[in-house]
């Protein structure tokens, strides 16, 4: 039987990792996507309170997930740099995309090294 954490949820496992990755992807899409056909300029989700609420909920739910914490810290820093005018939103999006892809690839590699569960 799977170990349960103090809050009653199943301890992190493969399904939980997939859910976390899906959550990270969802937050990423909400945080850094734009609809070029509907707006002249991409929306800066650094200014979106709902997007921050979602990120804060994720980092609170998974405080020991270093990948999530890293992406959150990167997002904070990128938003500061956008606000300061030292990088553009497009540059920040590219930087975040690369970091996010590295996290996904590292997770896939780790899962492949473990091999299938029997």
C-alpha atoms as a PDB file:
ATOM      1  CA  UNK A   1       0.000   0.000   0.000  1.00  0.00           C
ATOM      2  CA  UNK A   2       1.255   3.495  -0.855  1.00  0.00           C
ATOM      3  CA  UNK A   3       2.423   5.699   1.972  1.00  0.00           C
ATOM      4  CA  UNK A   4       0.177   8.609   2.766  1.00  0.00           C
ATOM      5  CA  UNK A   5       1.394  12.027   3.789  1.00  0.00           C
ATOM      6  CA  UNK A   6       0.091  13.992   6.767  1.00  0.00           C
ATOM      7  CA  UNK A   7      -2.523  15.693   4.612  1.00  0.00           C
ATOM      8  CA  UNK A   8      -3.976  12.305   3.550  1.00  0.00           C
ATOM      9  CA  UNK A   9      -2.744  12.387  -0.021  1.00  0.00           C
ATOM     10  CA  UNK A  10      -0.704   9.614  -1.547  1.00  0.00           C
ATOM     11  CA  UNK A  11       3.046  10.076  -1.190  1.00  0.00           C
ATOM     12  CA  UNK A  12       4.802  11.200  -4.384  1.00  0.00           C
ATOM     13  CA  UNK A  13       5.028   8.451  -6.980  1.00  0.00           C
ATOM     14  CA  UNK A  14       4.926   8.168 -10.713  1.00  0.00           C
ATOM     15  CA  UNK A  15       1.280   9.276 -11.025  1.00  0.00           C
ATOM     16  CA  UNK A  16       1.903  12.180  -8.676  1.00  0.00           C
ATOM     17  CA  UNK A  17       4.960  13.224 -10.700  1.00  0.00           C
ATOM     18  CA  UNK A  18       2.882  13.180 -13.897  1.00  0.00           C
ATOM     19  CA  UNK A  19       0.228  15.291 -12.200  1.00  0.00           C
ATOM     20  CA  UNK A  20       2.886  17.754 -11.025  1.00  0.00           C
ATOM     21  CA  UNK A  21       4.328  17.999 -14.521  1.00  0.00           C
ATOM     22  CA  UNK A  22       0.834  18.526 -15.929  1.00  0.00           C
ATOM     23  CA  UNK A  23       0.258  21.240 -13.316  1.00  0.00           C
ATOM     24  CA  UNK A  24       3.533  22.928 -14.164  1.00  0.00           C
ATOM     25  CA  UNK A  25       2.666  22.833 -17.865  1.00  0.00           C
ATOM     26  CA  UNK A  26      -0.776  24.295 -17.156  1.00  0.00           C
ATOM     27  CA  UNK A  27       0.693  27.103 -15.081  1.00  0.00           C
ATOM     28  CA  UNK A  28       3.315  27.706 -17.753  1.00  0.00           C
ATOM     29  CA  UNK A  29       0.668  27.964 -20.455  1.00  0.00           C
ATOM     30  CA  UNK A  30      -1.362  30.363 -18.352  1.00  0.00           C
ATOM     31  CA  UNK A  31       1.666  32.371 -17.319  1.00  0.00           C
ATOM     32  CA  UNK A  32       3.510  32.792 -20.574  1.00  0.00           C
ATOM     33  CA  UNK A  33       1.106  32.174 -23.440  1.00  0.00           C
ATOM     34  CA  UNK A  34      -0.562  34.734 -25.618  1.00  0.00           C
ATOM     35  CA  UNK A  35      -3.149  34.779 -28.356  1.00  0.00           C
ATOM     36  CA  UNK A  36      -1.519  36.643 -31.232  1.00  0.00           C
ATOM     37  CA  UNK A  37      -4.767  36.843 -33.188  1.00  0.00           C
ATOM     38  CA  UNK A  38      -6.649  38.551 -30.381  1.00  0.00           C
ATOM     39  CA  UNK A  39      -4.190  41.081 -28.987  1.00  0.00           C
ATOM     40  CA  UNK A  40      -1.552  43.315 -30.468  1.00  0.00           C
ATOM     41  CA  UNK A  41       0.887  42.637 -27.627  1.00  0.00           C
ATOM     42  CA  UNK A  42       1.294  39.427 -25.641  1.00  0.00           C
ATOM     43  CA  UNK A  43      -0.242  39.550 -22.186  1.00  0.00           C
ATOM     44  CA  UNK A  44       2.287  39.911 -19.392  1.00  0.00           C
ATOM     45  CA  UNK A  45       1.106  37.324 -16.889  1.00  0.00           C
ATOM     46  CA  UNK A  46       3.617  38.633 -14.380  1.00  0.00           C
ATOM     47  CA  UNK A  47       0.906  41.189 -13.625  1.00  0.00           C
ATOM     48  CA  UNK A  48      -1.902  38.605 -13.405  1.00  0.00           C
ATOM     49  CA  UNK A  49      -2.996  37.972  -9.806  1.00  0.00           C
ATOM     50  CA  UNK A  50      -4.737  34.687 -10.682  1.00  0.00           C
ATOM     51  CA  UNK A  51      -1.582  33.337 -12.293  1.00  0.00           C
ATOM     52  CA  UNK A  52       0.410  34.169  -9.146  1.00  0.00           C
ATOM     53  CA  UNK A  53      -2.252  32.499  -6.998  1.00  0.00           C
ATOM     54  CA  UNK A  54      -1.867  29.308  -9.040  1.00  0.00           C
ATOM     55  CA  UNK A  55       1.926  29.364  -8.734  1.00  0.00           C
ATOM     56  CA  UNK A  56       1.743  30.048  -4.998  1.00  0.00           C
ATOM     57  CA  UNK A  57      -0.708  27.169  -4.519  1.00  0.00           C
ATOM     58  CA  UNK A  58       1.625  24.797  -6.380  1.00  0.00           C
ATOM     59  CA  UNK A  59       4.747  25.752  -4.433  1.00  0.00           C
ATOM     60  CA  UNK A  60       2.815  25.464  -1.178  1.00  0.00           C
ATOM     61  CA  UNK A  61       1.436  22.052  -2.157  1.00  0.00           C
ATOM     62  CA  UNK A  62       4.867  20.738  -3.247  1.00  0.00           C
ATOM     63  CA  UNK A  63       7.407  22.529  -1.020  1.00  0.00           C
ATOM     64  CA  UNK A  64      10.078  19.857  -1.546  1.00  0.00           C
ATOM     65  CA  UNK A  65       9.833  19.738  -5.342  1.00  0.00           C
ATOM     66  CA  UNK A  66      13.110  21.378  -6.317  1.00  0.00           C
ATOM     67  CA  UNK A  67      12.188  21.583  -9.993  1.00  0.00           C
ATOM     68  CA  UNK A  68       8.949  23.406  -9.227  1.00  0.00           C
ATOM     69  CA  UNK A  69      10.715  25.687  -6.745  1.00  0.00           C
ATOM     70  CA  UNK A  70      13.391  26.428  -9.356  1.00  0.00           C
ATOM     71  CA  UNK A  71      10.820  27.317 -12.015  1.00  0.00           C
ATOM     72  CA  UNK A  72       8.951  29.490  -9.517  1.00  0.00           C
ATOM     73  CA  UNK A  73      12.145  31.327  -8.547  1.00  0.00           C
ATOM     74  CA  UNK A  74      13.016  31.756 -12.227  1.00  0.00           C
ATOM     75  CA  UNK A  75       9.553  33.179 -12.906  1.00  0.00           C
ATOM     76  CA  UNK A  76       9.935  35.633 -10.012  1.00  0.00           C
ATOM     77  CA  UNK A  77      13.309  36.785 -11.311  1.00  0.00           C
ATOM     78  CA  UNK A  78      12.156  37.049 -14.910  1.00  0.00           C
ATOM     79  CA  UNK A  79       9.144  39.116 -13.871  1.00  0.00           C
ATOM     80  CA  UNK A  80      11.412  41.478 -11.932  1.00  0.00           C
ATOM     81  CA  UNK A  81      13.692  41.827 -14.963  1.00  0.00           C
ATOM     82  CA  UNK A  82      10.695  42.530 -17.238  1.00  0.00           C
ATOM     83  CA  UNK A  83       9.479  45.176 -14.776  1.00  0.00           C
ATOM     84  CA  UNK A  84      12.951  46.760 -14.677  1.00  0.00           C
ATOM     85  CA  UNK A  85      13.049  46.791 -18.464  1.00  0.00           C
ATOM     86  CA  UNK A  86      16.293  44.821 -18.620  1.00  0.00           C
ATOM     87  CA  UNK A  87      14.700  42.042 -20.723  1.00  0.00           C
ATOM     88  CA  UNK A  88      11.607  41.814 -22.882  1.00  0.00           C
ATOM     89  CA  UNK A  89       8.634  39.584 -22.233  1.00  0.00           C
ATOM     90  CA  UNK A  90       9.650  37.529 -25.284  1.00  0.00           C
ATOM     91  CA  UNK A  91      13.162  37.024 -23.912  1.00  0.00           C
ATOM     92  CA  UNK A  92      11.738  35.980 -20.545  1.00  0.00           C
ATOM     93  CA  UNK A  93       9.387  33.536 -22.258  1.00  0.00           C
ATOM     94  CA  UNK A  94      12.283  31.982 -24.189  1.00  0.00           C
ATOM     95  CA  UNK A  95      14.376  31.645 -21.017  1.00  0.00           C
ATOM     96  CA  UNK A  96      11.484  30.065 -19.110  1.00  0.00           C
ATOM     97  CA  UNK A  97      10.681  27.709 -22.003  1.00  0.00           C
ATOM     98  CA  UNK A  98      14.265  26.414 -22.065  1.00  0.00           C
ATOM     99  CA  UNK A  99      14.343  25.851 -18.307  1.00  0.00           C
ATOM    100  CA  UNK A 100      10.941  24.192 -18.363  1.00  0.00           C
ATOM    101  CA  UNK A 101      12.013  21.859 -21.166  1.00  0.00           C
ATOM    102  CA  UNK A 102      15.138  20.884 -19.203  1.00  0.00           C
ATOM    103  CA  UNK A 103      12.970  19.960 -16.208  1.00  0.00           C
ATOM    104  CA  UNK A 104      10.705  17.834 -18.400  1.00  0.00           C
ATOM    105  CA  UNK A 105      13.653  16.070 -20.064  1.00  0.00           C
ATOM    106  CA  UNK A 106      15.362  15.390 -16.728  1.00  0.00           C
ATOM    107  CA  UNK A 107      12.132  13.930 -15.311  1.00  0.00           C
ATOM    108  CA  UNK A 108      11.680  11.713 -18.365  1.00  0.00           C
ATOM    109  CA  UNK A 109      15.284  10.510 -18.147  1.00  0.00           C
ATOM    110  CA  UNK A 110      14.933   9.699 -14.451  1.00  0.00           C
ATOM    111  CA  UNK A 111      11.751   7.752 -15.123  1.00  0.00           C
ATOM    112  CA  UNK A 112      13.429   5.807 -17.950  1.00  0.00           C
ATOM    113  CA  UNK A 113      16.405   4.936 -15.721  1.00  0.00           C
ATOM    114  CA  UNK A 114      14.071   3.504 -13.107  1.00  0.00           C
ATOM    115  CA  UNK A 115      12.464   1.260 -15.687  1.00  0.00           C
ATOM    116  CA  UNK A 116       8.896   0.018 -15.713  1.00  0.00           C
ATOM    117  CA  UNK A 117       7.171  -1.002 -12.499  1.00  0.00           C
ATOM    118  CA  UNK A 118       6.204  -4.647 -12.381  1.00  0.00           C
END
